[in-house]
Amino acid sequence: MSFFKKLKETFTKTTDTITKSFTEGLSKTRSAMVGRIEQLVRRTRKIDEEFYEELEEILIAADVGVKTVMELTNRLRQEVKARKIEDGGDLRPLLAELLVGLLRMEEGEEELKVNPDGLTVYLFVGVNGVGKTTTIGKMAHRFRSEGKRVMLAAGDTFRAGAIEQLEAWSVRAGVPVVKKEAGSDPAAVIFDAIERAKQEGFDILLCDTAGRLQNKTNLMNELNKIYRVIQREIPEGPHEVLLVLDATTGQNALSQARTFEEVAKVTGIVLTKLDGTAKGGIVIAIRNELGIPVKLVGLGEKMEDLRPFDAEQFVAALFADLLREDGDE
């Protein structure tokens, strides 16, 4: 069975709703990246160095990242030689196969960790404007729809309007929020939220934090204080430290990830606004260059459009048009 057929099998095993979310959400990246690769393949008579150079340009333009692109094209050269591939069309499933290999994680690594014996605490970090508060609201909706008791903690006490914005999402998602006045100690807000969540038997606590990057030392001190408060009350917490990144910022998102990796114990990435960019290749760069699992991706405006990341779904959505052709044949 060809790799495209295996990929299509995996794709069709999932529900129509999820499949549609990925295919529609990645339409801009599919057009800019795989669409251009398809044009290159159709007009190329042989796979030579000129072909690889143009392929590299296409992948870099999609924000796959120079380091990752070099690794990917080197692997392609090796596999093309080993498999004696001469037709550019035969290179498409090979490229899809290598992309899945770059993105695939260890068993269970991409799933959100959950405390089976009590309160689960998720800490959200990231710069202002990346969609952190919106992500928290959408996750609150998701967990509540699964029957979980969810609470929010307004730990971003510095940004004007941050508390009010989280309050608005708490109303929309139908969950309570713990807050203090603007300028309060964020760690004190998180402490109060943990105490109330434990006393009232909540399952999930989603904690917002400030998104300042101007001073790494201050940010590190602030986060360390929050960590200490959480671990004092819940020794195994926080169960996830989720870095929220805006996919539309491309390589800047990768730069932010490196910075936060230095100051926070990041366990997973939430990549927002993936539907609004033609540079969705940043997912591949983040996974390959940082080794941090991408756990959730934003594929649209609706509450349900924050989806668990899946390597096969992602690559199948990129190659959706070619998979349809393969099925027709």
C-alpha atoms as a PDB file:
ATOM      1  CA  MET A   1       0.000   0.000   0.000  1.00  0.00           C
ATOM      2  CA  SER A   2       1.354   3.456  -0.932  1.00  0.00           C
ATOM      3  CA  PHE A   3       2.038   5.959   1.842  1.00  0.00           C
ATOM      4  CA  PHE A   4      -0.693   8.242   0.453  1.00  0.00           C
ATOM      5  CA  LYS A   5      -3.202   5.405   0.785  1.00  0.00           C
ATOM      6  CA  LYS A   6      -2.084   4.720   4.357  1.00  0.00           C
ATOM      7  CA  LEU A   7      -2.380   8.427   5.129  1.00  0.00           C
ATOM      8  CA  LYS A   8      -5.848   8.545   3.593  1.00  0.00           C
ATOM      9  CA  GLU A   9      -6.878   5.535   5.681  1.00  0.00           C
ATOM     10  CA  THR A  10      -5.765   7.311   8.850  1.00  0.00           C
ATOM     11  CA  PHE A  11      -7.535  10.478   7.707  1.00  0.00           C
ATOM     12  CA  THR A  12     -10.849   8.753   7.085  1.00  0.00           C
ATOM     13  CA  LYS A  13     -10.807   6.938  10.438  1.00  0.00           C
ATOM     14  CA  THR A  14     -11.400  10.235  12.222  1.00  0.00           C
ATOM     15  CA  THR A  15     -14.760  11.989  12.332  1.00  0.00           C
ATOM     16  CA  ASP A  16     -15.877  14.175   9.431  1.00  0.00           C
ATOM     17  CA  THR A  17     -15.934  17.223  11.744  1.00  0.00           C
ATOM     18  CA  ILE A  18     -12.247  16.890  12.701  1.00  0.00           C
ATOM     19  CA  THR A  19     -11.192  16.101   9.134  1.00  0.00           C
ATOM     20  CA  LYS A  20     -13.068  19.155   7.872  1.00  0.00           C
ATOM     21  CA  SER A  21     -11.499  21.376  10.569  1.00  0.00           C
ATOM     22  CA  PHE A  22      -7.978  20.429   9.491  1.00  0.00           C
ATOM     23  CA  THR A  23      -8.596  20.607   5.733  1.00  0.00           C
ATOM     24  CA  GLU A  24     -10.371  23.982   5.910  1.00  0.00           C
ATOM     25  CA  GLY A  25      -8.062  25.388   8.598  1.00  0.00           C
ATOM     26  CA  LEU A  26      -4.932  24.591   6.602  1.00  0.00           C
ATOM     27  CA  SER A  27      -6.237  25.752   3.222  1.00  0.00           C
ATOM     28  CA  LYS A  28      -3.895  28.776   3.013  1.00  0.00           C
ATOM     29  CA  THR A  29      -0.818  26.744   3.932  1.00  0.00           C
ATOM     30  CA  ARG A  30      -1.873  23.943   1.574  1.00  0.00           C
ATOM     31  CA  SER A  31      -2.140  26.391  -1.322  1.00  0.00           C
ATOM     32  CA  ALA A  32       1.128  28.203  -0.550  1.00  0.00           C
ATOM     33  CA  MET A  33       3.189  25.136   0.242  1.00  0.00           C
ATOM     34  CA  VAL A  34       1.871  21.934  -1.331  1.00  0.00           C
ATOM     35  CA  GLY A  35       0.215  23.814  -4.208  1.00  0.00           C
ATOM     36  CA  ARG A  36       3.569  25.327  -5.172  1.00  0.00           C
ATOM     37  CA  ILE A  37       5.317  21.961  -4.722  1.00  0.00           C
ATOM     38  CA  GLU A  38       2.759  20.430  -7.079  1.00  0.00           C
ATOM     39  CA  GLN A  39       3.476  23.114  -9.685  1.00  0.00           C
ATOM     40  CA  LEU A  40       7.190  22.389  -9.310  1.00  0.00           C
ATOM     41  CA  VAL A  41       6.633  18.641  -9.744  1.00  0.00           C
ATOM     42  CA  ARG A  42       4.435  19.079 -12.820  1.00  0.00           C
ATOM     43  CA  ARG A  43       6.976  21.193 -14.700  1.00  0.00           C
ATOM     44  CA  THR A  44      10.086  19.244 -13.644  1.00  0.00           C
ATOM     45  CA  ARG A  45      11.446  16.570 -15.936  1.00  0.00           C
ATOM     46  CA  LYS A  46      14.059  15.266 -13.554  1.00  0.00           C
ATOM     47  CA  ILE A  47      14.959  15.533  -9.882  1.00  0.00           C
ATOM     48  CA  ASP A  48      18.198  17.483  -9.920  1.00  0.00           C
ATOM     49  CA  GLU A  49      19.923  20.095  -7.774  1.00  0.00           C
ATOM     50  CA  GLU A  50      17.845  22.885  -9.316  1.00  0.00           C
ATOM     51  CA  PHE A  51      14.704  20.998  -8.260  1.00  0.00           C
ATOM     52  CA  TYR A  52      15.924  20.706  -4.649  1.00  0.00           C
ATOM     53  CA  GLU A  53      16.875  24.382  -4.520  1.00  0.00           C
ATOM     54  CA  GLU A  54      13.405  25.451  -5.614  1.00  0.00           C
ATOM     55  CA  LEU A  55      11.820  22.998  -3.183  1.00  0.00           C
ATOM     56  CA  GLU A  56      13.890  24.502  -0.387  1.00  0.00           C
ATOM     57  CA  GLU A  57      12.687  27.998  -1.318  1.00  0.00           C
ATOM     58  CA  ILE A  58       9.039  26.869  -1.193  1.00  0.00           C
ATOM     59  CA  LEU A  59       9.441  25.219   2.225  1.00  0.00           C
ATOM     60  CA  ILE A  60      11.332  28.182   3.690  1.00  0.00           C
ATOM     61  CA  ALA A  61       8.605  30.545   2.416  1.00  0.00           C
ATOM     62  CA  ALA A  62       6.061  28.398   4.310  1.00  0.00           C
ATOM     63  CA  ASP A  63       8.140  28.973   7.486  1.00  0.00           C
ATOM     64  CA  VAL A  64       9.286  25.390   7.834  1.00  0.00           C
ATOM     65  CA  GLY A  65      12.578  26.945   9.002  1.00  0.00           C
ATOM     66  CA  VAL A  66      16.003  26.877   7.346  1.00  0.00           C
ATOM     67  CA  LYS A  67      17.488  24.264   9.708  1.00  0.00           C
ATOM     68  CA  THR A  68      14.506  21.925   9.303  1.00  0.00           C
ATOM     69  CA  VAL A  69      14.366  22.464   5.529  1.00  0.00           C
ATOM     70  CA  MET A  70      18.033  21.531   5.166  1.00  0.00           C
ATOM     71  CA  GLU A  71      17.479  18.347   7.200  1.00  0.00           C
ATOM     72  CA  LEU A  72      14.345  17.500   5.217  1.00  0.00           C
ATOM     73  CA  THR A  73      15.862  17.976   1.769  1.00  0.00           C
ATOM     74  CA  ASN A  74      18.983  16.028   2.748  1.00  0.00           C
ATOM     75  CA  ARG A  75      16.743  13.129   3.807  1.00  0.00           C
ATOM     76  CA  LEU A  76      14.852  13.449   0.528  1.00  0.00           C
ATOM     77  CA  ARG A  77      18.102  13.228  -1.444  1.00  0.00           C
ATOM     78  CA  GLN A  78      19.097  10.083   0.440  1.00  0.00           C
ATOM     79  CA  GLU A  79      15.698   8.411   0.026  1.00  0.00           C
ATOM     80  CA  VAL A  80      15.355   9.376  -3.648  1.00  0.00           C
ATOM     81  CA  LYS A  81      18.745   7.816  -4.312  1.00  0.00           C
ATOM     82  CA  ALA A  82      18.050   4.718  -2.205  1.00  0.00           C
ATOM     83  CA  ARG A  83      14.613   4.137  -3.748  1.00  0.00           C
ATOM     84  CA  LYS A  84      15.813   5.056  -7.255  1.00  0.00           C
ATOM     85  CA  ILE A  85      13.051   7.649  -7.686  1.00  0.00           C
ATOM     86  CA  GLU A  86      13.241   9.567 -10.962  1.00  0.00           C
ATOM     87  CA  ASP A  87       9.705  10.927 -11.424  1.00  0.00           C
ATOM     88  CA  GLY A  88       8.907  14.052  -9.396  1.00  0.00           C
ATOM     89  CA  GLY A  89       5.370  12.758  -8.869  1.00  0.00           C
ATOM     90  CA  ASP A  90       6.729   9.816  -6.879  1.00  0.00           C
ATOM     91  CA  LEU A  91       8.444  12.260  -4.555  1.00  0.00           C
ATOM     92  CA  ARG A  92       5.138  13.618  -3.149  1.00  0.00           C
ATOM     93  CA  PRO A  93       4.222  10.626  -0.937  1.00  0.00           C
ATOM     94  CA  LEU A  94       7.864  10.417   0.164  1.00  0.00           C
ATOM     95  CA  LEU A  95       7.766  14.061   1.269  1.00  0.00           C
ATOM     96  CA  ALA A  96       4.494  13.439   3.140  1.00  0.00           C
ATOM     97  CA  GLU A  97       6.047  10.402   4.820  1.00  0.00           C
ATOM     98  CA  LEU A  98       9.096  12.389   5.969  1.00  0.00           C
ATOM     99  CA  LEU A  99       6.896  15.229   7.298  1.00  0.00           C
ATOM    100  CA  VAL A 100       4.853  12.803   9.377  1.00  0.00           C
ATOM    101  CA  GLY A 101       8.113  11.368  10.699  1.00  0.00           C
ATOM    102  CA  LEU A 102       9.304  14.837  11.747  1.00  0.00           C
ATOM    103  CA  LEU A 103       6.012  15.663  13.470  1.00  0.00           C
ATOM    104  CA  ARG A 104       5.100  12.355  15.091  1.00  0.00           C
ATOM    105  CA  MET A 105       5.608  12.184  18.846  1.00  0.00           C
ATOM    106  CA  GLU A 106       6.087   9.407  21.350  1.00  0.00           C
ATOM    107  CA  GLU A 107       2.975   7.511  22.411  1.00  0.00           C
ATOM    108  CA  GLY A 108       0.833   9.798  24.589  1.00  0.00           C
ATOM    109  CA  GLU A 109       3.267  12.741  24.376  1.00  0.00           C
ATOM    110  CA  GLU A 110       0.817  14.914  22.434  1.00  0.00           C
ATOM    111  CA  GLU A 111      -2.042  14.329  24.894  1.00  0.00           C
ATOM    112  CA  LEU A 112      -2.730  16.777  27.704  1.00  0.00           C
ATOM    113  CA  LYS A 113      -1.692  15.361  31.067  1.00  0.00           C
ATOM    114  CA  VAL A 114      -4.550  14.913  33.535  1.00  0.00           C
ATOM    115  CA  ASN A 115      -4.414  14.327  37.277  1.00  0.00           C
ATOM    116  CA  PRO A 116      -6.467  11.155  37.877  1.00  0.00           C
ATOM    117  CA  ASP A 117      -6.732  11.777  41.619  1.00  0.00           C
ATOM    118  CA  GLY A 118      -7.890  15.364  41.940  1.00  0.00           C
ATOM    119  CA  LEU A 119      -7.400  18.862  40.572  1.00  0.00           C
ATOM    120  CA  THR A 120      -5.540  19.276  37.255  1.00  0.00           C
ATOM    121  CA  VAL A 121      -3.729  22.615  36.883  1.00  0.00           C
ATOM    122  CA  TYR A 122      -2.773  24.061  33.499  1.00  0.00           C
ATOM    123  CA  LEU A 123      -0.561  27.153  33.393  1.00  0.00           C
ATOM    124  CA  PHE A 124      -0.665  29.296  30.234  1.00  0.00           C
ATOM    125  CA  VAL A 125       2.295  31.457  29.189  1.00  0.00           C
ATOM    126  CA  GLY A 126       2.976  33.604  26.135  1.00  0.00           C
ATOM    127  CA  VAL A 127       3.328  37.199  24.994  1.00  0.00           C
ATOM    128  CA  ASN A 128       0.374  39.552  24.765  1.00  0.00           C
ATOM    129  CA  GLY A 129      -1.752  39.308  21.650  1.00  0.00           C
ATOM    130  CA  VAL A 130      -1.155  35.664  20.736  1.00  0.00           C
ATOM    131  CA  GLY A 131      -4.648  34.511  21.752  1.00  0.00           C
ATOM    132  CA  LYS A 132      -3.807  33.220  25.236  1.00  0.00           C
ATOM    133  CA  THR A 133      -7.064  34.326  26.886  1.00  0.00           C
ATOM    134  CA  THR A 134      -9.141  33.102  23.945  1.00  0.00           C
ATOM    135  CA  THR A 135      -7.367  29.732  24.152  1.00  0.00           C
ATOM    136  CA  ILE A 136      -8.186  29.471  27.861  1.00  0.00           C
ATOM    137  CA  GLY A 137     -11.840  30.261  27.122  1.00  0.00           C
ATOM    138  CA  LYS A 138     -12.046  27.653  24.364  1.00  0.00           C
ATOM    139  CA  MET A 139     -10.381  25.034  26.556  1.00  0.00           C
ATOM    140  CA  ALA A 140     -12.813  25.826  29.363  1.00  0.00           C
ATOM    141  CA  HIS A 141     -15.681  25.237  26.939  1.00  0.00           C
ATOM    142  CA  ARG A 142     -14.142  21.971  25.748  1.00  0.00           C
ATOM    143  CA  PHE A 143     -13.584  20.551  29.235  1.00  0.00           C
ATOM    144  CA  ARG A 144     -17.015  21.664  30.432  1.00  0.00           C
ATOM    145  CA  SER A 145     -18.651  19.978  27.415  1.00  0.00           C
ATOM    146  CA  GLU A 146     -16.854  16.785  28.515  1.00  0.00           C
ATOM    147  CA  GLY A 147     -18.580  17.031  31.903  1.00  0.00           C
ATOM    148  CA  LYS A 148     -15.618  18.457  33.835  1.00  0.00           C
ATOM    149  CA  ARG A 149     -15.952  21.148  36.515  1.00  0.00           C
ATOM    150  CA  VAL A 150     -13.718  23.971  35.307  1.00  0.00           C
ATOM    151  CA  MET A 151     -12.419  27.154  36.962  1.00  0.00           C
ATOM    152  CA  LEU A 152     -10.304  30.018  35.610  1.00  0.00           C
ATOM    153  CA  ALA A 153      -7.623  32.033  37.443  1.00  0.00           C
ATOM    154  CA  ALA A 154      -6.989  35.616  36.250  1.00  0.00           C
ATOM    155  CA  GLY A 155      -3.228  35.608  36.863  1.00  0.00           C
ATOM    156  CA  ASP A 156      -2.486  38.329  34.301  1.00  0.00           C
ATOM    157  CA  THR A 157      -3.008  41.238  36.663  1.00  0.00           C
ATOM    158  CA  PHE A 158      -0.797  43.708  34.775  1.00  0.00           C
ATOM    159  CA  ARG A 159      -2.239  44.098  31.267  1.00  0.00           C
ATOM    160  CA  ALA A 160      -5.091  46.591  31.033  1.00  0.00           C
ATOM    161  CA  GLY A 161      -8.331  44.734  30.385  1.00  0.00           C
ATOM    162  CA  ALA A 162      -6.865  41.226  30.832  1.00  0.00           C
ATOM    163  CA  ILE A 163      -9.028  40.437  33.871  1.00  0.00           C
ATOM    164  CA  GLU A 164     -12.179  41.724  32.181  1.00  0.00           C
ATOM    165  CA  GLN A 165     -11.385  39.754  29.020  1.00  0.00           C
ATOM    166  CA  LEU A 166     -11.032  36.517  31.003  1.00  0.00           C
ATOM    167  CA  GLU A 167     -14.243  37.312  32.868  1.00  0.00           C
ATOM    168  CA  ALA A 168     -16.066  37.657  29.538  1.00  0.00           C
ATOM    169  CA  TRP A 169     -14.789  34.245  28.459  1.00  0.00           C
ATOM    170  CA  SER A 170     -15.816  32.720  31.806  1.00  0.00           C
ATOM    171  CA  VAL A 171     -19.387  33.902  31.187  1.00  0.00           C
ATOM    172  CA  ARG A 172     -19.319  32.620  27.612  1.00  0.00           C
ATOM    173  CA  ALA A 173     -17.988  29.204  28.680  1.00  0.00           C
ATOM    174  CA  GLY A 174     -20.218  29.061  31.765  1.00  0.00           C
ATOM    175  CA  VAL A 175     -17.427  28.620  34.310  1.00  0.00           C
ATOM    176  CA  PRO A 176     -16.337  30.681  37.381  1.00  0.00           C
ATOM    177  CA  VAL A 177     -13.217  32.842  37.512  1.00  0.00           C
ATOM    178  CA  VAL A 178     -11.059  33.798  40.503  1.00  0.00           C
ATOM    179  CA  LYS A 179      -9.677  37.325  40.298  1.00  0.00           C
ATOM    180  CA  LYS A 180      -8.229  40.222  42.275  1.00  0.00           C
ATOM    181  CA  GLU A 181      -7.908  43.891  41.428  1.00  0.00           C
ATOM    182  CA  ALA A 182      -5.474  44.982  38.708  1.00  0.00           C
ATOM    183  CA  GLY A 183      -1.863  45.128  39.886  1.00  0.00           C
ATOM    184  CA  SER A 184      -2.289  42.359  42.468  1.00  0.00           C
ATOM    185  CA  ASP A 185       0.306  39.645  43.020  1.00  0.00           C
ATOM    186  CA  PRO A 186      -0.376  36.976  40.333  1.00  0.00           C
ATOM    187  CA  ALA A 187       0.828  34.178  42.649  1.00  0.00           C
ATOM    188  CA  ALA A 188      -1.768  35.245  45.247  1.00  0.00           C
ATOM    189  CA  VAL A 189      -4.519  34.955  42.617  1.00  0.00           C
ATOM    190  CA  ILE A 190      -3.355  31.451  41.668  1.00  0.00           C
ATOM    191  CA  PHE A 191      -3.196  30.458  45.365  1.00  0.00           C
ATOM    192  CA  ASP A 192      -6.761  31.634  45.997  1.00  0.00           C
ATOM    193  CA  ALA A 193      -7.968  29.796  42.882  1.00  0.00           C
ATOM    194  CA  ILE A 194      -6.302  26.526  43.928  1.00  0.00           C
ATOM    195  CA  GLU A 195      -7.767  26.748  47.431  1.00  0.00           C
ATOM    196  CA  ARG A 196     -11.278  27.370  46.132  1.00  0.00           C
ATOM    197  CA  ALA A 197     -10.981  24.716  43.407  1.00  0.00           C
ATOM    198  CA  LYS A 198      -9.867  22.096  45.948  1.00  0.00           C
ATOM    199  CA  GLN A 199     -12.531  23.021  48.479  1.00  0.00           C
ATOM    200  CA  GLU A 200     -15.351  22.981  45.933  1.00  0.00           C
ATOM    201  CA  GLY A 201     -14.228  19.852  44.098  1.00  0.00           C
ATOM    202  CA  PHE A 202     -13.303  21.273  40.687  1.00  0.00           C
ATOM    203  CA  ASP A 203     -11.554  19.048  38.129  1.00  0.00           C
ATOM    204  CA  ILE A 204      -9.655  21.593  36.000  1.00  0.00           C
ATOM    205  CA  LEU A 205      -8.001  24.924  36.833  1.00  0.00           C
ATOM    206  CA  LEU A 206      -6.828  27.045  33.893  1.00  0.00           C
ATOM    207  CA  CYS A 207      -4.378  29.779  34.969  1.00  0.00           C
ATOM    208  CA  ASP A 208      -3.650  32.877  32.907  1.00  0.00           C
ATOM    209  CA  THR A 209      -0.298  34.685  33.366  1.00  0.00           C
ATOM    210  CA  ALA A 210       1.210  37.989  32.262  1.00  0.00           C
ATOM    211  CA  GLY A 211       2.711  38.107  28.773  1.00  0.00           C
ATOM    212  CA  ARG A 212       5.611  40.467  29.253  1.00  0.00           C
ATOM    213  CA  LEU A 213       8.931  39.705  27.597  1.00  0.00           C
ATOM    214  CA  GLN A 214      10.722  42.992  28.181  1.00  0.00           C
ATOM    215  CA  ASN A 215      12.706  41.615  31.111  1.00  0.00           C
ATOM    216  CA  LYS A 216      13.490  37.892  31.201  1.00  0.00           C
ATOM    217  CA  THR A 217      14.656  38.038  34.821  1.00  0.00           C
ATOM    218  CA  ASN A 218      11.399  39.562  36.050  1.00  0.00           C
ATOM    219  CA  LEU A 219       9.376  37.100  34.000  1.00  0.00           C
ATOM    220  CA  MET A 220      11.387  34.168  35.355  1.00  0.00           C
ATOM    221  CA  ASN A 221      11.013  35.378  38.940  1.00  0.00           C
ATOM    222  CA  GLU A 222       7.282  35.860  38.496  1.00  0.00           C
ATOM    223  CA  LEU A 223       6.772  32.397  36.981  1.00  0.00           C
ATOM    224  CA  ASN A 224       9.006  30.738  39.581  1.00  0.00           C
ATOM    225  CA  LYS A 225       6.891  32.281  42.331  1.00  0.00           C
ATOM    226  CA  ILE A 226       3.738  30.915  40.686  1.00  0.00           C
ATOM    227  CA  TYR A 227       5.372  27.474  40.307  1.00  0.00           C
ATOM    228  CA  ARG A 228       6.283  27.423  44.003  1.00  0.00           C
ATOM    229  CA  VAL A 229       2.732  28.316  45.046  1.00  0.00           C
ATOM    230  CA  ILE A 230       1.219  25.626  42.810  1.00  0.00           C
ATOM    231  CA  GLN A 231       3.702  22.933  43.878  1.00  0.00           C
ATOM    232  CA  ARG A 232       3.237  23.750  47.554  1.00  0.00           C
ATOM    233  CA  GLU A 233      -0.507  23.156  47.203  1.00  0.00           C
ATOM    234  CA  ILE A 234      -0.376  20.417  44.542  1.00  0.00           C
ATOM    235  CA  PRO A 235       3.081  18.761  44.548  1.00  0.00           C
ATOM    236  CA  GLU A 236       2.728  17.237  41.058  1.00  0.00           C
ATOM    237  CA  GLY A 237       1.463  20.505  39.516  1.00  0.00           C
ATOM    238  CA  PRO A 238       1.329  22.329  37.243  1.00  0.00           C
ATOM    239  CA  HIS A 239       0.410  19.335  35.116  1.00  0.00           C
ATOM    240  CA  GLU A 240       1.058  21.284  31.902  1.00  0.00           C
ATOM    241  CA  VAL A 241       2.791  24.581  31.144  1.00  0.00           C
ATOM    242  CA  LEU A 242       1.323  25.520  27.771  1.00  0.00           C
ATOM    243  CA  LEU A 243       3.062  28.134  25.639  1.00  0.00           C
ATOM    244  CA  VAL A 244       0.576  29.901  23.362  1.00  0.00           C
ATOM    245  CA  LEU A 245       2.016  31.086  20.026  1.00  0.00           C
ATOM    246  CA  ASP A 246       0.446  32.932  17.101  1.00  0.00           C
ATOM    247  CA  ALA A 247       1.035  30.965  13.879  1.00  0.00           C
ATOM    248  CA  THR A 248       0.666  34.100  11.744  1.00  0.00           C
ATOM    249  CA  THR A 249       3.926  35.486  13.189  1.00  0.00           C
ATOM    250  CA  GLY A 250       5.949  32.649  11.615  1.00  0.00           C
ATOM    251  CA  GLN A 251       9.604  32.611  12.646  1.00  0.00           C
ATOM    252  CA  ASN A 252       8.870  35.156  15.377  1.00  0.00           C
ATOM    253  CA  ALA A 253       6.790  32.446  17.071  1.00  0.00           C
ATOM    254  CA  LEU A 254       9.835  30.174  17.005  1.00  0.00           C
ATOM    255  CA  SER A 255      11.905  32.955  18.582  1.00  0.00           C
ATOM    256  CA  GLN A 256       9.288  33.416  21.328  1.00  0.00           C
ATOM    257  CA  ALA A 257       9.293  29.684  21.975  1.00  0.00           C
ATOM    258  CA  ARG A 258      13.071  29.700  22.465  1.00  0.00           C
ATOM    259  CA  THR A 259      12.813  32.616  24.910  1.00  0.00           C
ATOM    260  CA  PHE A 260      10.044  31.063  26.991  1.00  0.00           C
ATOM    261  CA  GLU A 261      11.863  27.735  26.973  1.00  0.00           C
ATOM    262  CA  GLU A 262      14.668  29.539  28.814  1.00  0.00           C
ATOM    263  CA  VAL A 263      12.429  31.064  31.492  1.00  0.00           C
ATOM    264  CA  ALA A 264       9.543  28.581  31.831  1.00  0.00           C
ATOM    265  CA  LYS A 265       9.264  24.805  32.081  1.00  0.00           C
ATOM    266  CA  VAL A 266       7.208  24.564  28.883  1.00  0.00           C
ATOM    267  CA  THR A 267       5.623  21.132  28.363  1.00  0.00           C
ATOM    268  CA  GLY A 268       3.554  21.841  25.272  1.00  0.00           C
ATOM    269  CA  ILE A 269       2.662  24.349  22.560  1.00  0.00           C
ATOM    270  CA  VAL A 270      -0.739  25.757  21.626  1.00  0.00           C
ATOM    271  CA  LEU A 271      -0.506  27.220  18.124  1.00  0.00           C
ATOM    272  CA  THR A 272      -3.335  29.679  17.443  1.00  0.00           C
ATOM    273  CA  LYS A 273      -4.642  31.258  14.210  1.00  0.00           C
ATOM    274  CA  LEU A 274      -3.282  28.477  12.007  1.00  0.00           C
ATOM    275  CA  ASP A 275      -6.245  29.033   9.695  1.00  0.00           C
ATOM    276  CA  GLY A 276      -5.186  32.661   9.129  1.00  0.00           C
ATOM    277  CA  THR A 277      -1.726  32.026   7.723  1.00  0.00           C
ATOM    278  CA  ALA A 278      -0.057  30.546   4.666  1.00  0.00           C
ATOM    279  CA  LYS A 279       2.969  29.782   6.850  1.00  0.00           C
ATOM    280  CA  GLY A 280       1.655  26.776   8.772  1.00  0.00           C
ATOM    281  CA  GLY A 281       5.018  25.110   8.214  1.00  0.00           C
ATOM    282  CA  ILE A 282       6.011  26.749  11.499  1.00  0.00           C
ATOM    283  CA  VAL A 283       4.440  23.705  13.206  1.00  0.00           C
ATOM    284  CA  ILE A 284       7.144  21.536  11.652  1.00  0.00           C
ATOM    285  CA  ALA A 285       9.934  23.956  12.620  1.00  0.00           C
ATOM    286  CA  ILE A 286       8.766  24.183  16.242  1.00  0.00           C
ATOM    287  CA  ARG A 287       8.463  20.435  16.649  1.00  0.00           C
ATOM    288  CA  ASN A 288      11.767  19.617  14.945  1.00  0.00           C
ATOM    289  CA  GLU A 289      13.973  22.416  16.307  1.00  0.00           C
ATOM    290  CA  LEU A 290      12.673  22.642  19.878  1.00  0.00           C
ATOM    291  CA  GLY A 291      11.460  19.110  20.512  1.00  0.00           C
ATOM    292  CA  ILE A 292       8.413  20.481  22.366  1.00  0.00           C
ATOM    293  CA  PRO A 293       5.132  18.744  21.487  1.00  0.00           C
ATOM    294  CA  VAL A 294       2.480  20.833  19.736  1.00  0.00           C
ATOM    295  CA  LYS A 295      -0.585  19.797  21.733  1.00  0.00           C
ATOM    296  CA  LEU A 296      -3.351  22.025  20.367  1.00  0.00           C
ATOM    297  CA  VAL A 297      -3.918  24.072  17.213  1.00  0.00           C
ATOM    298  CA  GLY A 298      -6.422  26.828  16.462  1.00  0.00           C
ATOM    299  CA  LEU A 299      -8.159  26.135  13.151  1.00  0.00           C
ATOM    300  CA  GLY A 300     -10.940  28.741  13.208  1.00  0.00           C
ATOM    301  CA  GLU A 301     -13.009  31.180  15.228  1.00  0.00           C
ATOM    302  CA  LYS A 302     -15.577  28.777  16.683  1.00  0.00           C
ATOM    303  CA  MET A 303     -15.267  27.305  20.198  1.00  0.00           C
ATOM    304  CA  GLU A 304     -14.827  23.828  18.670  1.00  0.00           C
ATOM    305  CA  ASP A 305     -11.993  24.935  16.375  1.00  0.00           C
ATOM    306  CA  LEU A 306      -9.283  24.498  19.016  1.00  0.00           C
ATOM    307  CA  ARG A 307      -8.221  20.950  18.166  1.00  0.00           C
ATOM    308  CA  PRO A 308      -5.763  18.421  19.588  1.00  0.00           C
ATOM    309  CA  PHE A 309      -2.792  18.285  17.227  1.00  0.00           C
ATOM    310  CA  ASP A 310      -2.342  15.125  15.175  1.00  0.00           C
ATOM    311  CA  ALA A 311       0.625  14.614  12.825  1.00  0.00           C
ATOM    312  CA  GLU A 312      -1.239  12.418  10.340  1.00  0.00           C
ATOM    313  CA  GLN A 313      -4.241  14.765  10.263  1.00  0.00           C
ATOM    314  CA  PHE A 314      -1.962  17.748   9.721  1.00  0.00           C
ATOM    315  CA  VAL A 315      -0.013  16.218   6.828  1.00  0.00           C
ATOM    316  CA  ALA A 316      -3.121  14.636   5.272  1.00  0.00           C
ATOM    317  CA  ALA A 317      -4.816  18.061   5.329  1.00  0.00           C
ATOM    318  CA  LEU A 318      -1.797  19.600   3.573  1.00  0.00           C
ATOM    319  CA  PHE A 319      -1.923  16.936   0.860  1.00  0.00           C
ATOM    320  CA  ALA A 320      -5.759  16.712   0.797  1.00  0.00           C
ATOM    321  CA  ASP A 321      -6.087  17.579  -2.907  1.00  0.00           C
ATOM    322  CA  LEU A 322      -3.512  14.976  -3.895  1.00  0.00           C
ATOM    323  CA  LEU A 323      -5.128  12.375  -1.635  1.00  0.00           C
ATOM    324  CA  ARG A 324      -8.413  12.944  -3.462  1.00  0.00           C
ATOM    325  CA  GLU A 325      -6.640  12.468  -6.807  1.00  0.00           C
ATOM    326  CA  ASP A 326      -5.013   9.294  -5.492  1.00  0.00           C
ATOM    327  CA  GLY A 327      -8.426   8.004  -4.413  1.00  0.00           C
ATOM    328  CA  ASP A 328      -9.972   8.790  -7.800  1.00  0.00           C
ATOM    329  CA  GLU A 329      -7.225   6.883  -9.548  1.00  0.00           C
END
